[in-house]
N, C-alpha and C. Protein backbone atom coordinates (compact mmCIF):
# COMPACT_ATOMS: atom_id res chain seq x y z
N UNK A 1 117.98 100.78 67.43
CA UNK A 1 116.59 100.89 66.96
C UNK A 1 116.47 102.08 66.01
N UNK A 2 115.72 101.94 64.94
CA UNK A 2 115.57 103.01 63.96
C UNK A 2 114.56 104.03 64.46
N UNK A 3 114.97 105.27 64.51
CA UNK A 3 114.07 106.32 64.96
C UNK A 3 113.22 106.81 63.80
N UNK A 4 112.06 107.38 64.11
CA UNK A 4 111.15 107.84 63.07
C UNK A 4 111.65 109.15 62.50
N UNK A 5 111.92 109.18 61.18
CA UNK A 5 112.36 110.38 60.48
C UNK A 5 111.66 110.42 59.14
N UNK A 6 111.63 111.58 58.48
CA UNK A 6 110.91 111.68 57.20
C UNK A 6 111.71 111.09 56.05
N UNK A 7 112.24 109.88 56.25
CA UNK A 7 113.09 109.26 55.24
C UNK A 7 112.29 108.86 54.01
N UNK A 8 111.11 108.31 54.22
CA UNK A 8 110.33 107.84 53.08
C UNK A 8 109.92 109.00 52.20
N UNK A 9 109.56 110.12 52.80
CA UNK A 9 109.18 111.28 52.01
C UNK A 9 110.35 111.73 51.15
N UNK A 10 111.54 111.75 51.74
CA UNK A 10 112.72 112.16 50.99
C UNK A 10 113.01 111.17 49.87
N UNK A 11 112.88 109.90 50.18
CA UNK A 11 113.18 108.88 49.17
C UNK A 11 112.26 109.03 47.97
N UNK A 12 110.98 109.25 48.22
CA UNK A 12 110.05 109.39 47.11
C UNK A 12 110.29 110.68 46.34
N UNK A 13 110.80 111.70 47.03
CA UNK A 13 111.09 112.96 46.35
C UNK A 13 112.27 112.80 45.41
N UNK A 14 113.33 112.11 45.88
CA UNK A 14 114.53 111.95 45.08
C UNK A 14 114.41 110.82 44.06
N UNK A 15 113.57 109.83 44.36
CA UNK A 15 113.46 108.70 43.46
C UNK A 15 112.61 109.10 42.26
N UNK A 16 113.26 109.48 41.21
CA UNK A 16 112.56 109.90 40.00
C UNK A 16 112.79 108.86 38.92
N UNK A 17 111.98 107.78 38.92
CA UNK A 17 112.21 106.69 37.98
C UNK A 17 111.81 107.10 36.57
N UNK A 18 112.28 106.33 35.58
CA UNK A 18 111.85 106.60 34.22
C UNK A 18 110.34 106.52 34.10
N UNK A 19 109.81 107.10 33.05
CA UNK A 19 108.36 107.05 32.84
C UNK A 19 107.89 105.61 32.86
N UNK A 20 106.68 105.38 33.35
CA UNK A 20 106.17 104.03 33.50
C UNK A 20 106.16 103.27 32.19
N UNK A 21 106.03 103.97 31.10
CA UNK A 21 105.95 103.30 29.81
C UNK A 21 107.32 102.96 29.23
N UNK A 22 108.39 103.48 29.84
CA UNK A 22 109.74 103.23 29.33
C UNK A 22 110.20 101.84 29.74
N UNK A 23 110.73 101.08 28.80
CA UNK A 23 111.21 99.75 29.11
C UNK A 23 112.54 99.83 29.83
N UNK A 24 112.67 99.10 30.94
CA UNK A 24 113.90 99.09 31.72
C UNK A 24 114.77 97.93 31.23
N UNK A 25 116.02 98.20 30.84
CA UNK A 25 116.87 97.13 30.32
C UNK A 25 117.28 96.15 31.42
N UNK A 26 117.70 94.96 30.99
CA UNK A 26 118.20 93.98 31.94
C UNK A 26 117.10 93.18 32.60
N UNK A 27 117.49 92.29 33.53
CA UNK A 27 116.51 91.43 34.21
C UNK A 27 115.62 92.22 35.15
N UNK A 28 114.41 91.74 35.41
CA UNK A 28 113.52 92.39 36.38
C UNK A 28 114.09 92.25 37.79
N UNK A 29 113.60 93.06 38.74
CA UNK A 29 114.18 93.08 40.09
C UNK A 29 114.27 91.71 40.76
N UNK A 30 113.20 90.93 40.68
CA UNK A 30 113.18 89.64 41.37
C UNK A 30 114.30 88.73 40.87
N UNK A 31 114.44 88.64 39.55
CA UNK A 31 115.46 87.78 38.96
C UNK A 31 116.87 88.32 39.25
N UNK A 32 117.04 89.62 39.17
CA UNK A 32 118.35 90.24 39.40
C UNK A 32 118.84 89.95 40.81
N UNK A 33 117.99 90.18 41.81
CA UNK A 33 118.38 89.99 43.21
C UNK A 33 118.61 88.51 43.50
N UNK A 34 117.78 87.65 42.95
CA UNK A 34 117.95 86.21 43.20
C UNK A 34 119.30 85.73 42.67
N UNK A 35 119.65 86.13 41.47
CA UNK A 35 120.91 85.70 40.88
C UNK A 35 122.10 86.25 41.65
N UNK A 36 122.08 87.56 41.92
CA UNK A 36 123.21 88.19 42.61
C UNK A 36 123.37 87.66 44.03
N UNK A 37 122.25 87.50 44.75
CA UNK A 37 122.32 87.03 46.13
C UNK A 37 122.82 85.59 46.20
N UNK A 38 122.33 84.75 45.30
CA UNK A 38 122.75 83.35 45.31
C UNK A 38 124.24 83.22 44.99
N UNK A 39 124.70 83.99 44.01
CA UNK A 39 126.12 83.96 43.66
C UNK A 39 126.98 84.43 44.84
N UNK A 40 126.52 85.49 45.51
CA UNK A 40 127.26 86.01 46.65
C UNK A 40 127.32 85.00 47.79
N UNK A 41 126.19 84.39 48.10
CA UNK A 41 126.15 83.43 49.20
C UNK A 41 126.96 82.17 48.88
N UNK A 42 126.92 81.74 47.64
CA UNK A 42 127.72 80.58 47.24
C UNK A 42 129.21 80.86 47.43
N UNK A 43 129.63 82.06 47.01
CA UNK A 43 131.04 82.44 47.15
C UNK A 43 131.41 82.59 48.63
N UNK A 44 130.49 83.14 49.41
CA UNK A 44 130.73 83.32 50.83
C UNK A 44 130.93 81.99 51.53
N UNK A 45 130.16 80.98 51.13
CA UNK A 45 130.23 79.67 51.77
C UNK A 45 131.61 79.04 51.66
N UNK A 46 132.35 79.41 50.62
CA UNK A 46 133.67 78.84 50.41
C UNK A 46 134.72 79.45 51.33
N UNK A 47 134.41 80.59 51.94
CA UNK A 47 135.39 81.28 52.79
C UNK A 47 134.72 81.84 54.03
N UNK A 48 133.75 81.09 54.56
CA UNK A 48 132.93 81.59 55.65
C UNK A 48 133.71 81.91 56.92
N UNK A 49 134.61 81.06 57.31
CA UNK A 49 135.33 81.27 58.56
C UNK A 49 136.17 82.54 58.52
N UNK A 50 136.80 82.79 57.39
CA UNK A 50 137.61 84.01 57.25
C UNK A 50 136.74 85.25 57.35
N UNK A 51 135.56 85.22 56.73
CA UNK A 51 134.65 86.36 56.77
C UNK A 51 134.08 86.54 58.17
N UNK A 52 133.79 85.42 58.84
CA UNK A 52 133.24 85.52 60.20
C UNK A 52 134.26 86.16 61.14
N UNK A 53 135.53 85.84 60.97
CA UNK A 53 136.58 86.42 61.82
C UNK A 53 136.84 87.88 61.45
N UNK A 54 136.69 88.18 60.18
CA UNK A 54 136.98 89.54 59.72
C UNK A 54 136.02 89.93 58.61
N UNK A 55 134.90 90.62 58.95
CA UNK A 55 133.89 90.98 57.95
C UNK A 55 134.45 91.80 56.80
N UNK A 56 135.58 92.48 57.00
CA UNK A 56 136.16 93.28 55.92
C UNK A 56 136.53 92.41 54.72
N UNK A 57 136.71 91.11 54.95
CA UNK A 57 137.06 90.22 53.86
C UNK A 57 135.89 89.99 52.90
N UNK A 58 134.69 90.40 53.31
CA UNK A 58 133.52 90.26 52.43
C UNK A 58 133.55 91.29 51.31
N UNK A 59 134.43 92.28 51.40
CA UNK A 59 134.47 93.37 50.45
C UNK A 59 134.58 92.90 49.00
N UNK A 60 135.53 92.02 48.75
CA UNK A 60 135.74 91.57 47.38
C UNK A 60 134.52 90.84 46.84
N UNK A 61 133.84 90.09 47.70
CA UNK A 61 132.66 89.34 47.26
C UNK A 61 131.50 90.27 46.94
N UNK A 62 131.26 91.25 47.81
CA UNK A 62 130.17 92.19 47.56
C UNK A 62 130.50 93.06 46.35
N UNK A 63 131.76 93.46 46.23
CA UNK A 63 132.17 94.24 45.06
C UNK A 63 131.87 93.49 43.77
N UNK A 64 132.13 92.19 43.77
CA UNK A 64 131.97 91.40 42.56
C UNK A 64 130.52 91.11 42.21
N UNK A 65 129.72 90.79 43.24
CA UNK A 65 128.38 90.30 42.95
C UNK A 65 127.26 91.32 43.15
N UNK A 66 127.43 92.26 44.07
CA UNK A 66 126.35 93.20 44.35
C UNK A 66 126.60 94.61 43.82
N UNK A 67 127.85 95.07 43.88
CA UNK A 67 128.14 96.45 43.50
C UNK A 67 127.64 96.80 42.09
N UNK A 68 127.77 95.91 41.10
CA UNK A 68 127.29 96.28 39.76
C UNK A 68 125.80 96.58 39.72
N UNK A 69 125.06 96.11 40.73
CA UNK A 69 123.61 96.31 40.74
C UNK A 69 123.17 97.28 41.83
N UNK A 70 124.13 98.02 42.41
CA UNK A 70 123.81 98.91 43.51
C UNK A 70 124.12 100.36 43.12
N UNK A 71 123.18 101.24 43.36
CA UNK A 71 123.32 102.66 43.01
C UNK A 71 123.88 103.40 44.22
N UNK A 72 125.20 103.35 44.39
CA UNK A 72 125.82 103.96 45.56
C UNK A 72 125.70 105.48 45.57
N UNK A 73 125.77 106.11 44.40
CA UNK A 73 125.63 107.57 44.34
C UNK A 73 124.27 108.00 44.86
N UNK A 74 123.24 107.30 44.42
CA UNK A 74 121.88 107.64 44.83
C UNK A 74 121.70 107.43 46.33
N UNK A 75 122.22 106.31 46.85
CA UNK A 75 122.12 106.04 48.29
C UNK A 75 122.82 107.12 49.10
N UNK A 76 124.00 107.54 48.63
CA UNK A 76 124.75 108.57 49.34
C UNK A 76 123.98 109.88 49.36
N UNK A 77 123.32 110.22 48.25
CA UNK A 77 122.50 111.43 48.21
C UNK A 77 121.39 111.37 49.25
N UNK A 78 120.77 110.21 49.38
CA UNK A 78 119.71 110.06 50.37
C UNK A 78 120.24 110.20 51.78
N UNK A 79 121.42 109.64 52.02
CA UNK A 79 122.01 109.70 53.35
C UNK A 79 122.32 111.14 53.73
N UNK A 80 122.92 111.90 52.82
CA UNK A 80 123.29 113.28 53.13
C UNK A 80 122.11 114.24 53.10
N UNK A 81 121.09 113.91 52.32
CA UNK A 81 119.92 114.79 52.26
C UNK A 81 120.29 116.19 51.78
N UNK A 82 119.88 117.20 52.53
CA UNK A 82 120.13 118.59 52.12
C UNK A 82 121.62 118.93 52.14
N UNK A 83 122.42 118.18 52.89
CA UNK A 83 123.86 118.46 52.95
C UNK A 83 124.53 118.16 51.62
N UNK A 84 123.90 117.33 50.79
CA UNK A 84 124.49 116.98 49.49
C UNK A 84 124.63 118.23 48.62
N UNK A 85 123.65 119.11 48.68
CA UNK A 85 123.66 120.29 47.83
C UNK A 85 124.83 121.23 48.15
N UNK A 86 125.25 121.23 49.42
CA UNK A 86 126.32 122.13 49.84
C UNK A 86 127.71 121.51 49.72
N UNK A 87 127.77 120.24 49.36
CA UNK A 87 129.06 119.56 49.26
C UNK A 87 129.73 119.88 47.93
N UNK A 88 131.06 119.95 47.94
CA UNK A 88 131.80 120.15 46.70
C UNK A 88 131.82 118.84 45.91
N UNK A 89 132.10 118.90 44.62
CA UNK A 89 132.19 117.66 43.83
C UNK A 89 133.17 116.65 44.43
N UNK A 90 134.30 117.12 44.95
CA UNK A 90 135.29 116.22 45.54
C UNK A 90 134.76 115.61 46.83
N UNK A 91 134.07 116.41 47.64
CA UNK A 91 133.49 115.89 48.88
C UNK A 91 132.43 114.84 48.57
N UNK A 92 131.63 115.07 47.54
CA UNK A 92 130.62 114.09 47.15
C UNK A 92 131.28 112.78 46.75
N UNK A 93 132.33 112.89 45.97
CA UNK A 93 133.04 111.69 45.52
C UNK A 93 133.62 110.91 46.69
N UNK A 94 134.25 111.64 47.62
CA UNK A 94 134.84 110.99 48.78
C UNK A 94 133.77 110.40 49.69
N UNK A 95 132.66 111.12 49.85
CA UNK A 95 131.60 110.60 50.73
C UNK A 95 130.98 109.34 50.14
N UNK A 96 130.72 109.33 48.83
CA UNK A 96 130.14 108.14 48.20
C UNK A 96 131.03 106.93 48.46
N UNK A 97 132.33 107.08 48.27
CA UNK A 97 133.25 105.96 48.48
C UNK A 97 133.31 105.56 49.95
N UNK A 98 133.41 106.55 50.86
CA UNK A 98 133.50 106.24 52.28
C UNK A 98 132.21 105.60 52.80
N UNK A 99 131.08 106.11 52.33
CA UNK A 99 129.79 105.55 52.73
C UNK A 99 129.67 104.11 52.28
N UNK A 100 130.03 103.84 51.02
CA UNK A 100 129.92 102.49 50.49
C UNK A 100 130.82 101.53 51.27
N UNK A 101 132.06 101.94 51.51
CA UNK A 101 132.99 101.06 52.22
C UNK A 101 132.50 100.77 53.64
N UNK A 102 131.93 101.79 54.29
CA UNK A 102 131.43 101.61 55.65
C UNK A 102 130.21 100.70 55.67
N UNK A 103 129.29 100.91 54.73
CA UNK A 103 128.11 100.06 54.65
C UNK A 103 128.52 98.62 54.34
N UNK A 104 129.51 98.49 53.48
CA UNK A 104 130.00 97.17 53.10
C UNK A 104 130.51 96.40 54.31
N UNK A 105 131.24 97.06 55.19
CA UNK A 105 131.77 96.41 56.38
C UNK A 105 130.63 95.93 57.28
N UNK A 106 129.63 96.79 57.48
CA UNK A 106 128.51 96.41 58.33
C UNK A 106 127.70 95.28 57.69
N UNK A 107 127.53 95.34 56.38
CA UNK A 107 126.79 94.30 55.67
C UNK A 107 127.56 93.00 55.73
N UNK A 108 128.87 93.06 55.62
CA UNK A 108 129.68 91.86 55.69
C UNK A 108 129.54 91.15 57.03
N UNK A 109 129.40 91.94 58.09
CA UNK A 109 129.19 91.35 59.41
C UNK A 109 127.90 90.54 59.44
N UNK A 110 126.85 91.08 58.84
CA UNK A 110 125.57 90.38 58.81
C UNK A 110 125.63 89.13 57.93
N UNK A 111 126.44 89.18 56.87
CA UNK A 111 126.51 88.07 55.93
C UNK A 111 127.16 86.82 56.50
N UNK A 112 128.00 86.98 57.51
CA UNK A 112 128.88 85.91 57.96
C UNK A 112 128.17 84.60 58.25
N UNK A 113 126.95 84.65 58.76
CA UNK A 113 126.26 83.42 59.14
C UNK A 113 125.16 83.00 58.16
N UNK A 114 125.02 83.70 57.03
CA UNK A 114 124.01 83.33 56.05
C UNK A 114 124.46 82.09 55.28
N UNK A 115 123.54 81.19 54.99
CA UNK A 115 123.89 79.96 54.29
C UNK A 115 123.35 80.00 52.86
N UNK A 116 124.17 79.54 51.91
CA UNK A 116 123.84 79.66 50.49
C UNK A 116 122.68 78.77 50.07
N UNK A 117 122.44 77.68 50.79
CA UNK A 117 121.38 76.76 50.38
C UNK A 117 120.03 77.10 51.02
N UNK A 118 119.96 78.21 51.72
CA UNK A 118 118.72 78.57 52.42
C UNK A 118 118.24 79.96 52.04
N UNK A 119 118.42 80.33 50.77
CA UNK A 119 117.92 81.61 50.29
C UNK A 119 116.53 81.42 49.70
N UNK A 120 115.57 82.17 50.21
CA UNK A 120 114.20 82.09 49.71
C UNK A 120 113.79 83.46 49.17
N UNK A 121 113.37 83.50 47.92
CA UNK A 121 112.84 84.72 47.33
C UNK A 121 111.33 84.72 47.52
N UNK A 122 110.82 85.66 48.27
CA UNK A 122 109.39 85.70 48.57
C UNK A 122 108.61 86.28 47.40
N UNK A 123 107.32 85.99 47.32
CA UNK A 123 106.49 86.50 46.21
C UNK A 123 106.58 88.01 46.09
N UNK A 124 106.66 88.48 44.86
CA UNK A 124 106.80 89.91 44.61
C UNK A 124 105.48 90.63 44.81
N UNK A 125 105.56 91.80 45.42
CA UNK A 125 104.38 92.65 45.59
C UNK A 125 104.70 94.02 45.03
N UNK A 126 103.78 94.56 44.29
CA UNK A 126 104.00 95.89 43.75
C UNK A 126 103.74 95.97 42.27
N UNK A 127 104.03 97.14 41.71
CA UNK A 127 103.80 97.41 40.29
C UNK A 127 105.09 97.94 39.69
N UNK A 128 105.72 97.14 38.83
CA UNK A 128 107.01 97.54 38.26
C UNK A 128 106.89 98.80 37.41
N UNK A 129 105.71 99.07 36.89
CA UNK A 129 105.54 100.25 36.05
C UNK A 129 105.71 101.54 36.85
N UNK A 130 105.71 101.44 38.18
CA UNK A 130 105.91 102.62 39.02
C UNK A 130 107.37 103.04 39.04
N UNK A 131 108.26 102.15 38.59
CA UNK A 131 109.68 102.47 38.62
C UNK A 131 110.34 102.18 39.94
N UNK A 132 109.60 101.59 40.87
CA UNK A 132 110.13 101.24 42.18
C UNK A 132 109.76 99.81 42.52
N UNK A 133 110.62 99.15 43.30
CA UNK A 133 110.34 97.77 43.65
C UNK A 133 111.07 97.40 44.93
N UNK A 134 110.46 96.51 45.70
CA UNK A 134 111.13 95.93 46.86
C UNK A 134 111.11 94.41 46.69
N UNK A 135 112.29 93.83 46.67
CA UNK A 135 112.40 92.38 46.56
C UNK A 135 112.64 91.83 47.96
N UNK A 136 111.72 91.00 48.40
CA UNK A 136 111.79 90.45 49.75
C UNK A 136 112.42 89.06 49.70
N UNK A 137 113.44 88.86 50.51
CA UNK A 137 114.07 87.54 50.58
C UNK A 137 114.14 87.11 52.05
N UNK A 138 114.41 85.84 52.23
CA UNK A 138 114.58 85.29 53.57
C UNK A 138 115.79 84.37 53.53
N UNK A 139 116.72 84.60 54.43
CA UNK A 139 117.94 83.80 54.47
C UNK A 139 118.01 83.10 55.82
N UNK A 140 118.33 81.82 55.79
CA UNK A 140 118.47 81.05 57.02
C UNK A 140 119.93 81.04 57.44
N UNK A 141 120.18 81.39 58.70
CA UNK A 141 121.55 81.42 59.20
C UNK A 141 122.00 80.01 59.57
N UNK A 142 123.28 79.88 59.92
CA UNK A 142 123.83 78.56 60.23
C UNK A 142 123.19 77.91 61.45
N UNK A 143 122.56 78.73 62.32
CA UNK A 143 121.90 78.15 63.49
C UNK A 143 120.41 77.92 63.26
N UNK A 144 119.94 78.14 62.02
CA UNK A 144 118.55 77.87 61.68
C UNK A 144 117.63 79.07 61.77
N UNK A 145 118.13 80.21 62.20
CA UNK A 145 117.31 81.41 62.30
C UNK A 145 116.99 81.96 60.91
N UNK A 146 115.73 82.31 60.69
CA UNK A 146 115.32 82.89 59.41
C UNK A 146 115.36 84.42 59.50
N UNK A 147 116.13 85.01 58.60
CA UNK A 147 116.36 86.45 58.65
C UNK A 147 115.79 87.10 57.39
N UNK A 148 114.86 88.06 57.54
CA UNK A 148 114.35 88.78 56.36
C UNK A 148 115.39 89.77 55.84
N UNK A 149 115.69 89.69 54.55
CA UNK A 149 116.62 90.60 53.90
C UNK A 149 115.91 91.17 52.68
N UNK A 150 115.60 92.46 52.71
CA UNK A 150 114.84 93.08 51.64
C UNK A 150 115.70 94.11 50.90
N UNK A 151 115.53 94.14 49.58
CA UNK A 151 116.28 95.06 48.74
C UNK A 151 115.31 96.04 48.09
N UNK A 152 115.60 97.33 48.21
CA UNK A 152 114.79 98.36 47.58
C UNK A 152 115.48 98.82 46.31
N UNK A 153 114.76 98.80 45.19
CA UNK A 153 115.35 99.13 43.90
C UNK A 153 114.56 100.22 43.20
N UNK A 154 115.21 100.83 42.22
CA UNK A 154 114.54 101.80 41.36
C UNK A 154 114.97 101.56 39.92
N UNK A 155 114.11 101.93 39.00
CA UNK A 155 114.41 101.78 37.58
C UNK A 155 115.32 102.90 37.13
N UNK A 156 116.36 102.56 36.38
CA UNK A 156 117.27 103.56 35.83
C UNK A 156 117.49 103.23 34.35
N UNK A 157 118.05 104.15 33.58
CA UNK A 157 118.34 103.85 32.18
C UNK A 157 119.31 102.69 32.00
N UNK A 158 120.05 102.35 33.06
CA UNK A 158 121.00 101.24 32.99
C UNK A 158 120.41 99.93 33.51
N UNK A 159 119.15 99.96 33.92
CA UNK A 159 118.52 98.77 34.46
C UNK A 159 118.07 99.01 35.89
N UNK A 160 117.53 97.98 36.53
CA UNK A 160 117.10 98.10 37.92
C UNK A 160 118.32 98.15 38.82
N UNK A 161 118.32 99.09 39.76
CA UNK A 161 119.43 99.27 40.68
C UNK A 161 118.91 99.29 42.12
N UNK A 162 119.58 98.54 42.99
CA UNK A 162 119.23 98.57 44.41
C UNK A 162 119.85 99.80 45.05
N UNK A 163 119.14 100.42 45.97
CA UNK A 163 119.70 101.58 46.67
C UNK A 163 119.62 101.43 48.19
N UNK A 164 119.03 100.34 48.67
CA UNK A 164 118.99 100.12 50.11
C UNK A 164 118.85 98.63 50.39
N UNK A 165 119.40 98.21 51.51
CA UNK A 165 119.25 96.84 52.00
C UNK A 165 118.70 96.92 53.41
N UNK A 166 117.63 96.18 53.68
CA UNK A 166 117.02 96.17 55.00
C UNK A 166 117.11 94.76 55.57
N UNK A 167 117.81 94.61 56.68
CA UNK A 167 117.98 93.32 57.31
C UNK A 167 117.30 93.34 58.67
N UNK A 168 116.36 92.41 58.87
CA UNK A 168 115.59 92.34 60.12
C UNK A 168 114.95 93.69 60.45
N UNK A 169 114.44 94.35 59.43
CA UNK A 169 113.74 95.61 59.63
C UNK A 169 114.62 96.83 59.77
N UNK A 170 115.94 96.65 59.70
CA UNK A 170 116.87 97.77 59.85
C UNK A 170 117.40 98.17 58.49
N UNK A 171 117.07 99.38 58.06
CA UNK A 171 117.50 99.92 56.78
C UNK A 171 118.89 100.53 56.92
N UNK A 172 119.80 100.10 56.06
CA UNK A 172 121.16 100.63 56.12
C UNK A 172 121.18 102.11 55.76
N UNK A 173 120.45 102.51 54.73
CA UNK A 173 120.42 103.92 54.33
C UNK A 173 119.81 104.77 55.44
N UNK A 174 118.73 104.31 56.01
CA UNK A 174 118.06 105.09 57.06
C UNK A 174 118.96 105.24 58.29
N UNK A 175 119.62 104.13 58.66
CA UNK A 175 120.51 104.20 59.81
C UNK A 175 121.67 105.16 59.58
N UNK A 176 122.26 105.10 58.39
CA UNK A 176 123.35 106.01 58.08
C UNK A 176 122.86 107.45 58.10
N UNK A 177 121.67 107.68 57.57
CA UNK A 177 121.14 109.05 57.54
C UNK A 177 120.95 109.59 58.95
N UNK A 178 120.45 108.76 59.83
CA UNK A 178 120.27 109.18 61.22
C UNK A 178 121.61 109.54 61.86
N UNK A 179 122.59 108.66 61.68
CA UNK A 179 123.90 108.87 62.31
C UNK A 179 124.64 110.05 61.70
N UNK A 180 124.62 110.14 60.37
CA UNK A 180 125.42 111.14 59.68
C UNK A 180 124.79 112.53 59.73
N UNK A 181 123.47 112.58 59.62
CA UNK A 181 122.81 113.89 59.56
C UNK A 181 123.16 114.80 60.72
N UNK A 182 123.01 114.29 61.93
CA UNK A 182 123.30 115.10 63.11
C UNK A 182 124.78 115.44 63.19
N UNK A 183 125.63 114.47 62.81
CA UNK A 183 127.07 114.70 62.89
C UNK A 183 127.53 115.77 61.89
N UNK A 184 126.97 115.76 60.70
CA UNK A 184 127.32 116.77 59.72
C UNK A 184 126.88 118.15 60.20
N UNK A 185 125.70 118.22 60.79
CA UNK A 185 125.19 119.50 61.29
C UNK A 185 126.07 120.07 62.39
N UNK A 186 126.62 119.20 63.24
CA UNK A 186 127.40 119.68 64.38
C UNK A 186 128.89 119.83 64.08
N UNK A 187 129.43 118.93 63.22
CA UNK A 187 130.88 118.94 62.99
C UNK A 187 131.29 119.34 61.58
N UNK A 188 130.34 119.27 60.66
CA UNK A 188 130.66 119.58 59.27
C UNK A 188 130.91 118.32 58.46
N UNK A 189 130.66 118.41 57.16
CA UNK A 189 130.78 117.26 56.28
C UNK A 189 132.21 116.75 56.19
N UNK A 190 133.18 117.66 56.14
CA UNK A 190 134.58 117.25 56.00
C UNK A 190 135.00 116.36 57.17
N UNK A 191 134.57 116.70 58.37
CA UNK A 191 134.92 115.91 59.55
C UNK A 191 134.30 114.52 59.48
N UNK A 192 133.07 114.44 58.99
CA UNK A 192 132.39 113.14 58.88
C UNK A 192 133.10 112.26 57.84
N UNK A 193 133.46 112.85 56.71
CA UNK A 193 134.16 112.08 55.68
C UNK A 193 135.49 111.57 56.22
N UNK A 194 136.21 112.43 56.92
CA UNK A 194 137.51 112.04 57.48
C UNK A 194 137.35 110.89 58.47
N UNK A 195 136.31 110.95 59.30
CA UNK A 195 136.08 109.87 60.27
C UNK A 195 135.81 108.55 59.56
N UNK A 196 134.93 108.59 58.56
CA UNK A 196 134.60 107.37 57.82
C UNK A 196 135.84 106.81 57.12
N UNK A 197 136.63 107.68 56.53
CA UNK A 197 137.83 107.23 55.84
C UNK A 197 138.82 106.60 56.81
N UNK A 198 138.95 107.18 57.99
CA UNK A 198 139.85 106.61 59.00
C UNK A 198 139.38 105.24 59.46
N UNK A 199 138.07 105.11 59.71
CA UNK A 199 137.52 103.83 60.14
C UNK A 199 137.69 102.78 59.05
N UNK A 200 137.44 103.17 57.80
CA UNK A 200 137.56 102.22 56.70
C UNK A 200 139.00 101.76 56.53
N UNK A 201 139.94 102.68 56.69
CA UNK A 201 141.36 102.34 56.58
C UNK A 201 141.75 101.33 57.66
N UNK A 202 141.18 101.50 58.86
CA UNK A 202 141.47 100.57 59.95
C UNK A 202 140.93 99.18 59.64
N UNK A 203 139.76 99.12 59.02
CA UNK A 203 139.19 97.83 58.63
C UNK A 203 140.06 97.14 57.58
N UNK A 204 140.57 97.92 56.63
CA UNK A 204 141.43 97.37 55.59
C UNK A 204 142.72 96.83 56.21
N UNK A 205 143.28 97.58 57.15
CA UNK A 205 144.50 97.15 57.81
C UNK A 205 144.28 95.87 58.61
N UNK A 206 143.13 95.80 59.25
CA UNK A 206 142.79 94.60 60.00
C UNK A 206 142.69 93.39 59.10
N UNK A 207 142.05 93.60 57.92
CA UNK A 207 141.91 92.51 56.97
C UNK A 207 143.27 92.03 56.46
N UNK A 208 144.19 92.96 56.29
CA UNK A 208 145.52 92.62 55.79
C UNK A 208 146.29 91.80 56.82
N UNK A 209 146.02 92.06 58.11
CA UNK A 209 146.72 91.32 59.16
C UNK A 209 146.13 89.94 59.39
N UNK A 210 144.88 89.73 58.95
CA UNK A 210 144.20 88.45 59.23
C UNK A 210 144.61 87.38 58.24
């Protein structure tokens, strides 16, 4: 269960979108997420059993279809919060990669039962001129369960970029921030990065054996 923390305040502080009058290149959030999600689910459907047995196998699919539209650096900054300022450039680089790989594994687990023919893009709410957007989708699993999957995006000079995925009300960025924040405070950032890297390596090894 997600505990109450000042995550939204931090997100709004760090989320500094381009001026409202600046045109954002590329497709609008709704179209971008619909295209990327549909492509990902279609590809997933072709190899569903392998992904269900080993979520790490979803890595290549997410890398191909979602990573180009995901702002991993920004998400990592939100996860680390004030610890980001004290991290060395190398630690930041390693944490961004370790965080993304770890989130990818967890996201792959959730993807395993999503069906490509049951993706619904819900009506958009909000004002794109604010530089922020949430695209709400609903995916039906193989057993008929409807699962809300929402993407939070921000406007950047390179186009709209997603920085969080919320599945069934659980925010990946918020969950990571809760888990990592206390651990960094007690053990230090280097220890947290090492743990994530070790876990990710184990997932890769598992995928290679499958």
